[in-house]
Amino acid sequence: MSWTFRFGVVWFLFWVVWSPLEGLAAESGEWIAFFNHFHTRYSHDNRGAERVKLTVESVLKRTDRVARSMGVSGAVAITDHNNHDATGDPAFRPVGVIRPIKGEEWGGPGHAGVLGYSGDTAIARLIPPQSPETYVRMVTRAHSLGGIVIANHPRSSIKWQTDRRFGVDAVEVWSMCGWKGSDKSALAWWHRLLVAGERLTAVGGTDAHFYFQSVEFPLNWVFAESNAPEDVLAAVKAGRVQILSGPSAPRILLRADFDGDGVYDDALSGDALMVDRNRAVRFEVVLEKAIPAHHLLLLDKEGEFFSGGVGVGPGWNRGVYRFERTFRASERNFVRAELRRGNTHIMECLCNPIYLIGKNAPATTEVQITGMVTTAGGQPVANALVRLAPGEFSHTCSDQTGAYRIIAPKGRYKLHVSAGGVAPISIPVSGFEEQMTLDVRLSPSR
């Protein structure tokens, strides 16, 4: 092997792999390791397994070791089921480079991580879990106490049984080690909410209960003022978050040049740019630790608009990819990035979007669809199942008069209607208005 060839290989790997997350001088802050969603012995489930449950002390010591190995400071949210008793544990204090964050996992039909709220009473005691609609009261109360709310593992076995977000600040799109089917469903739900016009942070969570479980897969990489709980949670709420498959995973920095001066310092992930007229905006994606085997995906409200290997094709320069998108003043849009493992669907890293909000865009992000389900002869059809797809939990039944109502994130759907004795029907729906009426007539089944 010639010296020239070896030098060329080394140089190629250098510009692909070495692409630091630089250019943040305009922003004050630092990258923080945020370990989210931990249970300890104060979670009173899995009785009989106390000997292998995590303790407050073990969580803090283990996350401190990981953060030190990364050369950064960090914070960890302890979220025991329906209580914050861990805050009274003598070990609930800073350990090394780690600071603990008060929290609990509010358990209703689906779970929610409530972090950083004030007061001595757990949110679950203030707002007992009952039904999906109870989430509205819980979120309102958590916000009034200065906390933030995360929809935990929304598409796992314990589901967030609604396609509406009810005001939560973030969605746990990646839960526990590995990239699973439930994570793909959670990511798809979050993306639909973004398409509807929501500004909503994606986070990861370990959901660790026991000693033998990982404390760093997945890991939140947060750009915050410091690792003080209030600074970390403010950064999470603002969307300054990447989700990594682990401490050594590749990382993404997405930023924008909005004023056209050639400098990509006008927005980072989580920022919103106000579009006062139809205009083109330039973006760049800076990758750290990426290799040619990784696959970059870029998405907006229309879906995937770029998919390719790192460094392959036009637009690349030493691990940096630049592109331009045009936005309208009448719409809400966004740009976000993912890094996958080769041509597989296994996630390595994803970052939160930069939002583009048109001056004349609608303020609402949900559509209310109402109508009547009748037979071809005009007779009402009671108890007809009416559902929207895609979406696991946008469905209802018609009442005795044949009337129905569905509230869902704005978007393009198919309305499926079925009932006994009649032929099912599917109707395309472009639901981007605040309210719309759609009557359905069903024919007798053959």
Protein backbone atom coordinates (compact mmCIF):
# COMPACT_ATOMS: atom_id res chain seq x y z
CA MET A 1 0.00 0.00 0.00
CA SER A 2 1.58 3.30 -1.08
CA TRP A 3 2.19 6.22 1.28
CA THR A 4 0.03 8.43 -0.93
CA PHE A 5 -2.92 6.03 -0.72
CA ARG A 6 -2.60 5.71 3.07
CA PHE A 7 -2.46 9.49 3.43
CA GLY A 8 -5.57 9.85 1.28
CA VAL A 9 -7.52 7.36 3.40
CA VAL A 10 -6.49 9.09 6.62
CA TRP A 11 -7.42 12.51 5.22
CA PHE A 12 -10.84 11.28 4.05
CA LEU A 13 -11.65 9.80 7.47
CA PHE A 14 -10.40 12.99 9.11
CA TRP A 15 -12.80 15.31 7.33
CA VAL A 16 -15.72 12.90 7.74
CA VAL A 17 -15.21 11.91 11.38
CA TRP A 18 -13.73 15.14 12.72
CA SER A 19 -16.48 17.69 12.41
CA PRO A 20 -16.86 19.25 15.86
CA LEU A 21 -20.05 20.96 16.99
CA GLU A 22 -18.54 24.40 16.68
CA GLY A 23 -19.87 27.81 15.78
CA LEU A 24 -21.91 28.34 18.95
CA ALA A 25 -20.06 31.46 20.04
CA ALA A 26 -23.20 33.52 19.48
CA GLU A 27 -24.99 31.31 21.99
CA SER A 28 -24.01 31.20 25.64
CA GLY A 29 -24.04 27.70 27.05
CA GLU A 30 -22.46 24.28 27.00
CA TRP A 31 -23.36 20.76 25.99
CA ILE A 32 -24.82 18.83 28.93
CA ALA A 33 -25.50 15.11 29.32
CA PHE A 34 -29.12 14.81 30.48
CA PHE A 35 -30.11 11.39 31.82
CA ASN A 36 -33.90 11.17 31.88
CA HIS A 37 -36.54 8.83 33.36
CA PHE A 38 -35.12 6.80 36.25
CA HIS A 39 -36.90 4.73 38.88
CA THR A 40 -35.52 3.80 42.29
CA ARG A 41 -36.74 1.82 45.30
CA TYR A 42 -39.26 4.61 45.85
CA SER A 43 -41.25 3.23 42.89
CA HIS A 44 -43.52 0.81 44.74
CA ASP A 45 -44.05 -1.70 41.96
CA ASN A 46 -42.20 -4.93 41.23
CA ARG A 47 -42.54 -5.96 44.85
CA GLY A 48 -40.03 -8.59 45.90
CA ALA A 49 -37.36 -7.17 43.58
CA GLU A 50 -36.10 -4.49 45.99
CA ARG A 51 -32.62 -6.03 46.11
CA VAL A 52 -32.04 -5.37 42.40
CA LYS A 53 -33.76 -1.99 42.18
CA LEU A 54 -31.77 1.16 41.61
CA THR A 55 -31.17 3.50 44.53
CA VAL A 56 -30.83 7.27 44.41
CA GLU A 57 -27.15 6.90 45.27
CA SER A 58 -26.48 4.31 42.56
CA VAL A 59 -28.23 6.39 39.87
CA LEU A 60 -26.17 9.48 40.69
CA LYS A 61 -22.86 7.61 40.90
CA ARG A 62 -23.40 5.72 37.62
CA THR A 63 -24.48 8.79 35.64
CA ASP A 64 -21.54 10.72 37.12
CA ARG A 65 -19.13 8.11 35.74
CA VAL A 66 -20.67 8.31 32.28
CA ALA A 67 -20.63 12.13 32.18
CA ARG A 68 -17.01 12.19 33.37
CA SER A 69 -16.04 9.74 30.62
CA MET A 70 -17.58 12.19 28.12
CA GLY A 71 -15.78 15.17 29.65
CA VAL A 72 -18.99 17.09 30.39
CA SER A 73 -21.25 17.91 33.30
CA GLY A 74 -24.73 16.46 33.53
CA ALA A 75 -28.11 16.20 35.20
CA VAL A 76 -30.39 13.27 35.97
CA ALA A 77 -34.18 13.22 36.41
CA ILE A 78 -35.44 10.69 38.96
CA THR A 79 -39.10 9.93 38.24
CA ASP A 80 -40.57 7.38 40.61
CA HIS A 81 -44.19 6.33 40.12
CA ASN A 82 -46.66 8.91 41.46
CA ASN A 83 -44.30 10.29 44.11
CA HIS A 84 -41.20 12.42 44.53
CA ASP A 85 -40.07 10.77 47.76
CA ALA A 86 -36.56 10.39 46.32
CA THR A 87 -35.98 14.09 46.96
CA GLY A 88 -35.99 13.34 50.69
CA ASP A 89 -33.29 10.68 50.35
CA PRO A 90 -29.94 11.77 51.88
CA ALA A 91 -28.24 10.83 48.61
CA PHE A 92 -30.39 13.25 46.58
CA ARG A 93 -27.66 15.86 46.13
CA PRO A 94 -24.97 16.72 43.53
CA VAL A 95 -22.42 13.96 42.98
CA GLY A 96 -19.28 14.86 41.03
CA VAL A 97 -20.40 16.50 37.77
CA ILE A 98 -24.05 15.38 38.12
CA ARG A 99 -26.97 17.27 39.62
CA PRO A 100 -30.30 15.57 40.40
CA ILE A 101 -33.65 16.90 39.14
CA LYS A 102 -36.85 16.48 41.09
CA GLY A 103 -39.57 14.58 39.28
CA GLU A 104 -42.17 11.85 39.24
CA GLU A 105 -43.86 9.64 36.68
CA TRP A 106 -47.55 10.51 36.76
CA GLY A 107 -49.39 7.31 35.93
CA GLY A 108 -52.69 7.47 34.14
CA PRO A 109 -53.89 5.58 31.06
CA GLY A 110 -50.41 6.53 29.81
CA HIS A 111 -47.46 7.88 31.77
CA ALA A 112 -46.03 11.39 31.98
CA GLY A 113 -42.74 12.59 33.41
CA VAL A 114 -43.34 15.73 35.48
CA LEU A 115 -40.04 17.49 36.24
CA GLY A 116 -38.86 20.50 38.21
CA TYR A 117 -42.13 21.57 39.84
CA SER A 118 -42.25 23.31 43.21
CA GLY A 119 -44.15 22.29 46.32
CA ASP A 120 -44.10 19.40 48.77
CA THR A 121 -47.04 17.47 47.31
CA ALA A 122 -46.68 15.07 44.39
CA ILE A 123 -48.63 15.95 41.24
CA ALA A 124 -50.35 12.55 41.41
CA ARG A 125 -51.81 13.50 44.79
CA LEU A 126 -52.91 16.91 43.51
CA ILE A 127 -54.38 15.51 40.28
CA PRO A 128 -55.10 11.77 40.67
CA PRO A 129 -54.74 9.84 37.39
CA GLN A 130 -58.12 9.00 35.87
CA SER A 131 -58.53 9.34 32.11
CA PRO A 132 -56.78 10.92 29.10
CA GLU A 133 -58.75 14.14 29.66
CA THR A 134 -57.25 14.36 33.16
CA TYR A 135 -53.94 15.14 31.48
CA VAL A 136 -55.18 18.66 30.74
CA ARG A 137 -55.61 19.38 34.45
CA MET A 138 -52.32 17.72 35.32
CA VAL A 139 -50.34 19.67 32.71
CA THR A 140 -51.97 22.94 33.78
CA ARG A 141 -51.13 22.29 37.43
CA ALA A 142 -47.54 21.24 36.67
CA HIS A 143 -47.00 24.39 34.63
CA SER A 144 -48.47 26.58 37.38
CA LEU A 145 -45.83 25.10 39.72
CA GLY A 146 -43.00 25.84 37.30
CA GLY A 147 -42.56 22.29 35.99
CA ILE A 148 -42.44 20.71 32.56
CA VAL A 149 -44.31 17.61 31.38
CA ILE A 150 -43.06 14.82 29.08
CA ALA A 151 -45.30 12.21 27.46
CA ASN A 152 -43.42 9.05 28.46
CA HIS A 153 -43.11 6.02 26.10
CA PRO A 154 -46.36 7.08 24.37
CA ARG A 155 -46.60 4.05 22.09
CA SER A 156 -45.30 1.31 24.40
CA SER A 157 -47.42 -1.24 26.26
CA ILE A 158 -48.57 1.60 28.56
CA LYS A 159 -49.91 3.92 25.89
CA TRP A 160 -50.60 7.63 25.82
CA GLN A 161 -54.12 6.90 24.61
CA THR A 162 -54.67 9.96 22.47
CA ASP A 163 -53.27 11.51 19.31
CA ARG A 164 -53.50 14.92 20.99
CA ARG A 165 -50.67 16.24 23.16
CA PHE A 166 -52.81 18.13 25.70
CA GLY A 167 -50.15 20.78 26.24
CA VAL A 168 -47.16 18.61 27.21
CA ASP A 169 -43.74 20.16 26.63
CA ALA A 170 -41.96 17.11 25.22
CA VAL A 171 -42.48 13.59 23.87
CA GLU A 172 -40.26 10.64 24.76
CA VAL A 173 -39.70 9.31 21.24
CA TRP A 174 -36.91 6.94 22.30
CA SER A 175 -37.38 4.80 25.40
CA MET A 176 -34.91 2.27 26.83
CA CYS A 177 -31.94 0.66 25.10
CA GLY A 178 -32.18 -0.14 21.38
CA TRP A 179 -34.43 1.21 18.62
CA LYS A 180 -37.77 -0.61 18.78
CA GLY A 181 -41.13 -0.67 17.06
CA SER A 182 -42.68 1.38 19.86
CA ASP A 183 -39.98 4.04 19.33
CA LYS A 184 -40.75 4.17 15.61
CA SER A 185 -44.44 4.68 16.42
CA ALA A 186 -43.64 7.40 18.97
CA LEU A 187 -41.39 9.15 16.44
CA ALA A 188 -44.15 8.97 13.81
CA TRP A 189 -46.68 10.48 16.27
CA TRP A 190 -44.29 13.31 17.19
CA HIS A 191 -43.68 13.98 13.49
CA ARG A 192 -47.44 14.19 12.84
CA LEU A 193 -47.72 16.74 15.63
CA LEU A 194 -44.95 18.79 14.02
CA VAL A 195 -46.76 18.60 10.66
CA ALA A 196 -49.89 19.91 12.41
CA GLY A 197 -47.89 22.98 13.47
CA GLU A 198 -46.93 22.08 17.04
CA ARG A 199 -43.68 23.23 18.65
CA LEU A 200 -42.79 20.20 20.74
CA THR A 201 -39.48 18.80 21.98
CA ALA A 202 -38.41 15.19 21.41
CA VAL A 203 -36.41 13.55 24.21
CA GLY A 204 -35.10 10.13 25.14
CA GLY A 205 -35.54 8.22 28.41
CA THR A 206 -33.95 5.11 29.87
CA ASP A 207 -36.95 4.03 31.98
CA ALA A 208 -34.40 2.14 34.09
CA HIS A 209 -35.64 0.36 37.25
CA PHE A 210 -32.92 -2.19 38.04
CA TYR A 211 -29.15 -2.42 38.50
CA PHE A 212 -28.71 -4.54 35.38
CA GLN A 213 -30.30 -1.91 33.12
CA SER A 214 -28.35 0.74 31.23
CA VAL A 215 -28.28 4.33 32.50
CA GLU A 216 -26.94 5.93 29.30
CA PHE A 217 -28.94 4.44 26.41
CA PRO A 218 -30.44 6.61 25.00
CA LEU A 219 -28.79 9.83 26.13
CA ASN A 220 -29.99 13.43 25.78
CA TRP A 221 -27.35 15.89 24.61
CA VAL A 222 -28.60 19.32 25.71
CA PHE A 223 -27.23 22.81 25.02
CA ALA A 224 -27.89 24.69 28.28
CA GLU A 225 -26.56 27.56 30.35
CA SER A 226 -25.36 25.09 33.00
CA ASN A 227 -26.27 21.75 34.52
CA ALA A 228 -28.47 23.44 37.14
CA PRO A 229 -31.92 21.80 37.02
CA GLU A 230 -33.69 25.01 36.00
CA ASP A 231 -31.22 25.59 33.12
CA VAL A 232 -31.42 22.02 31.84
CA LEU A 233 -35.23 21.98 31.91
CA ALA A 234 -35.39 25.39 30.21
CA ALA A 235 -33.16 24.04 27.43
CA VAL A 236 -35.32 20.91 27.11
CA LYS A 237 -38.48 23.00 26.85
CA ALA A 238 -36.78 25.22 24.25
CA GLY A 239 -35.89 22.17 22.13
CA ARG A 240 -32.09 22.46 22.44
CA VAL A 241 -31.86 18.67 22.51
CA GLN A 242 -30.29 15.87 20.52
CA ILE A 243 -30.99 12.23 21.36
CA LEU A 244 -27.96 9.94 21.09
CA SER A 245 -27.84 6.16 21.02
CA GLY A 246 -25.10 6.38 23.67
CA PRO A 247 -22.15 8.41 24.97
CA SER A 248 -19.93 7.67 21.96
CA ALA A 249 -22.65 8.08 19.32
CA PRO A 250 -22.45 10.58 16.43
CA ARG A 251 -23.94 14.01 16.99
CA ILE A 252 -25.79 16.51 14.81
CA LEU A 253 -25.81 20.29 14.85
CA LEU A 254 -28.55 21.88 12.73
CA ARG A 255 -28.37 25.63 12.18
CA ALA A 256 -29.71 28.23 9.75
CA ASP A 257 -28.68 31.33 7.82
CA PHE A 258 -31.92 33.31 7.74
CA ASP A 259 -30.61 36.79 6.85
CA GLY A 260 -28.56 35.59 3.87
CA ASP A 261 -25.19 36.83 5.12
CA GLY A 262 -23.54 33.45 4.60
CA VAL A 263 -23.10 32.82 8.32
CA TYR A 264 -25.16 30.01 9.87
CA ASP A 265 -25.79 31.67 13.21
CA ASP A 266 -29.44 32.75 13.05
CA ALA A 267 -31.08 29.64 14.54
CA LEU A 268 -30.33 26.32 16.24
CA SER A 269 -32.56 23.35 17.02
CA GLY A 270 -35.59 24.54 18.95
CA ASP A 271 -35.51 28.08 17.56
CA ALA A 272 -38.42 29.54 15.58
CA LEU A 273 -37.90 31.83 12.59
CA MET A 274 -40.77 34.15 11.64
CA VAL A 275 -41.43 34.10 7.88
CA ASP A 276 -43.03 37.40 6.85
CA ARG A 277 -42.98 36.62 3.11
CA ASN A 278 -42.29 33.65 0.86
CA ARG A 279 -38.55 33.16 1.05
CA ALA A 280 -35.66 30.72 0.77
CA VAL A 281 -33.64 29.84 3.86
CA ARG A 282 -30.23 28.16 3.91
CA PHE A 283 -29.32 25.46 6.44
CA GLU A 284 -26.31 23.41 7.36
CA VAL A 285 -25.93 20.14 9.21
CA VAL A 286 -22.64 19.71 11.06
CA LEU A 287 -21.80 16.13 12.01
CA GLU A 288 -19.45 14.91 14.71
CA LYS A 289 -18.16 11.30 14.80
CA ALA A 290 -20.07 10.40 11.66
CA ILE A 291 -18.57 7.97 9.16
CA PRO A 292 -19.45 7.17 5.51
CA ALA A 293 -21.47 4.15 6.66
CA HIS A 294 -23.96 6.46 8.40
CA HIS A 295 -27.05 7.72 6.60
CA LEU A 296 -28.40 11.27 6.93
CA LEU A 297 -32.14 12.00 6.66
CA LEU A 298 -33.66 15.49 6.46
CA LEU A 299 -37.40 16.05 6.90
CA ASP A 300 -39.99 18.82 6.86
CA LYS A 301 -43.81 18.84 6.88
CA GLU A 302 -43.93 17.28 3.42
CA GLY A 303 -41.80 14.36 4.60
CA GLU A 304 -38.30 13.21 3.77
CA PHE A 305 -36.56 15.52 1.29
CA PHE A 306 -32.99 14.21 1.59
CA SER A 307 -31.60 10.73 2.26
CA GLY A 308 -28.01 9.79 1.60
CA GLY A 309 -24.71 8.52 2.88
CA VAL A 310 -22.48 10.88 4.82
CA GLY A 311 -20.12 12.68 2.44
CA VAL A 312 -21.75 11.18 -0.67
CA GLY A 313 -23.04 13.46 -3.42
CA PRO A 314 -23.17 17.25 -3.81
CA GLY A 315 -23.67 19.61 -0.90
CA TRP A 316 -20.99 18.05 1.37
CA ASN A 317 -17.85 19.76 2.59
CA ARG A 318 -15.74 18.02 5.28
CA GLY A 319 -18.68 16.39 7.03
CA VAL A 320 -20.91 19.48 6.68
CA TYR A 321 -24.02 19.33 4.50
CA ARG A 322 -25.66 22.53 3.25
CA PHE A 323 -29.02 22.95 1.57
CA GLU A 324 -31.79 25.47 0.90
CA ARG A 325 -35.55 25.27 1.43
CA THR A 326 -38.33 27.69 0.48
CA PHE A 327 -41.08 28.55 2.97
CA ARG A 328 -44.40 30.37 2.67
CA ALA A 329 -45.79 33.07 4.93
CA SER A 330 -49.11 31.20 5.08
CA GLU A 331 -47.84 28.00 6.71
CA ARG A 332 -46.06 26.49 9.68
CA ASN A 333 -43.12 24.30 8.81
CA PHE A 334 -39.91 22.89 10.24
CA VAL A 335 -36.64 21.21 9.32
CA ARG A 336 -35.14 18.36 11.33
CA ALA A 337 -32.38 15.76 10.92
CA GLU A 338 -31.74 12.11 11.76
CA LEU A 339 -28.64 9.95 11.46
CA ARG A 340 -29.23 6.25 10.88
CA ARG A 341 -26.92 3.24 10.85
CA GLY A 342 -26.10 2.53 7.22
CA ASN A 343 -29.17 1.78 5.14
CA THR A 344 -30.99 0.31 8.13
CA HIS A 345 -33.69 2.00 10.18
CA ILE A 346 -31.63 1.84 13.39
CA MET A 347 -31.30 5.30 14.89
CA GLU A 348 -27.91 6.71 15.88
CA CYS A 349 -28.90 10.30 16.60
CA LEU A 350 -31.73 12.74 15.97
CA CYS A 351 -32.03 16.45 16.65
CA ASN A 352 -34.99 18.67 17.30
CA PRO A 353 -36.28 20.95 14.52
CA ILE A 354 -35.75 24.53 13.56
CA TYR A 355 -39.29 25.92 13.14
CA LEU A 356 -40.45 28.23 10.35
CA ILE A 357 -43.65 30.05 11.32
CA GLY A 358 -45.40 32.07 8.64
CA LYS A 359 -46.76 35.50 9.51
CA ASN A 360 -50.18 34.53 8.12
CA ALA A 361 -50.19 30.93 9.36
CA PRO A 362 -53.22 29.72 11.34
CA ALA A 363 -52.79 29.87 15.11
CA THR A 364 -54.58 26.58 15.80
CA THR A 365 -52.94 23.19 15.36
CA GLU A 366 -55.97 20.91 15.76
CA VAL A 367 -58.94 20.22 13.52
CA GLN A 368 -62.43 19.35 14.77
CA ILE A 369 -64.30 17.11 12.32
CA THR A 370 -68.05 16.71 12.84
CA GLY A 371 -70.76 15.12 10.77
CA MET A 372 -73.58 12.62 10.47
CA VAL A 373 -73.39 8.92 9.63
CA THR A 374 -76.51 7.80 7.75
CA THR A 375 -77.70 5.10 5.38
CA ALA A 376 -78.24 5.77 1.70
CA GLY A 377 -81.88 6.35 2.59
CA GLY A 378 -81.00 9.00 5.19
CA GLN A 379 -81.53 6.90 8.31
CA PRO A 380 -79.04 7.59 11.17
CA VAL A 381 -76.45 4.90 11.89
CA ALA A 382 -75.72 4.63 15.62
CA ASN A 383 -72.51 3.20 17.08
CA ALA A 384 -70.63 3.41 13.80
CA LEU A 385 -66.86 3.32 14.32
CA VAL A 386 -65.28 6.49 12.91
CA ARG A 387 -61.49 6.72 12.89
CA LEU A 388 -58.68 8.66 11.25
CA ALA A 389 -55.56 7.08 9.78
CA PRO A 390 -52.66 7.46 10.24
CA GLY A 391 -53.16 7.70 13.98
CA GLU A 392 -53.71 5.09 16.63
CA PHE A 393 -56.12 7.00 18.86
CA SER A 394 -58.16 9.41 16.72
CA HIS A 395 -61.46 7.55 16.76
CA THR A 396 -64.99 7.74 18.11
CA CYS A 397 -68.46 6.24 17.64
CA SER A 398 -71.56 7.92 16.29
CA ASP A 399 -74.35 8.54 18.80
CA GLN A 400 -78.00 7.50 18.52
CA THR A 401 -78.69 10.34 16.06
CA GLY A 402 -75.74 9.33 13.86
CA ALA A 403 -73.66 12.36 14.90
CA TYR A 404 -69.92 12.09 15.55
CA ARG A 405 -67.02 14.39 16.51
CA ILE A 406 -63.25 13.86 16.31
CA ILE A 407 -60.53 16.29 17.40
CA ALA A 408 -57.09 15.50 15.97
CA PRO A 409 -53.84 17.19 14.95
CA LYS A 410 -54.19 18.92 11.59
CA GLY A 411 -53.03 16.84 8.66
CA ARG A 412 -53.97 14.59 5.77
CA TYR A 413 -55.94 11.50 6.74
CA LYS A 414 -58.34 8.87 5.56
CA LEU A 415 -61.62 8.77 7.46
CA HIS A 416 -62.67 5.14 7.92
CA VAL A 417 -66.30 4.47 8.87
CA SER A 418 -67.71 1.01 9.57
CA ALA A 419 -70.87 -0.45 11.13
CA GLY A 420 -72.79 -3.71 11.16
CA GLY A 421 -74.93 -4.43 8.10
CA VAL A 422 -73.40 -1.71 5.94
CA ALA A 423 -70.32 -1.54 3.71
CA PRO A 424 -67.32 0.25 5.27
CA ILE A 425 -66.09 3.39 3.55
CA SER A 426 -62.80 5.35 3.44
CA ILE A 427 -62.78 9.05 2.56
CA PRO A 428 -59.63 11.20 2.02
CA VAL A 429 -59.55 14.14 4.43
CA SER A 430 -57.36 17.24 4.18
CA GLY A 431 -57.84 18.53 7.69
CA PHE A 432 -56.00 21.84 7.87
CA GLU A 433 -58.92 24.04 8.93
CA GLU A 434 -59.97 24.67 12.53
CA GLN A 435 -63.37 23.06 11.93
CA MET A 436 -64.83 21.01 9.12
CA THR A 437 -68.05 19.07 8.49
CA LEU A 438 -68.02 15.71 6.79
CA ASP A 439 -71.25 13.69 6.48
CA VAL A 440 -70.96 10.01 5.59
CA ARG A 441 -73.55 7.84 3.82
CA LEU A 442 -73.16 4.08 4.09
CA SER A 443 -74.53 1.56 1.62
CA PRO A 444 -75.92 -1.86 2.63
CA SER A 445 -73.27 -4.56 2.61
CA ARG A 446 -73.59 -7.27 -0.01
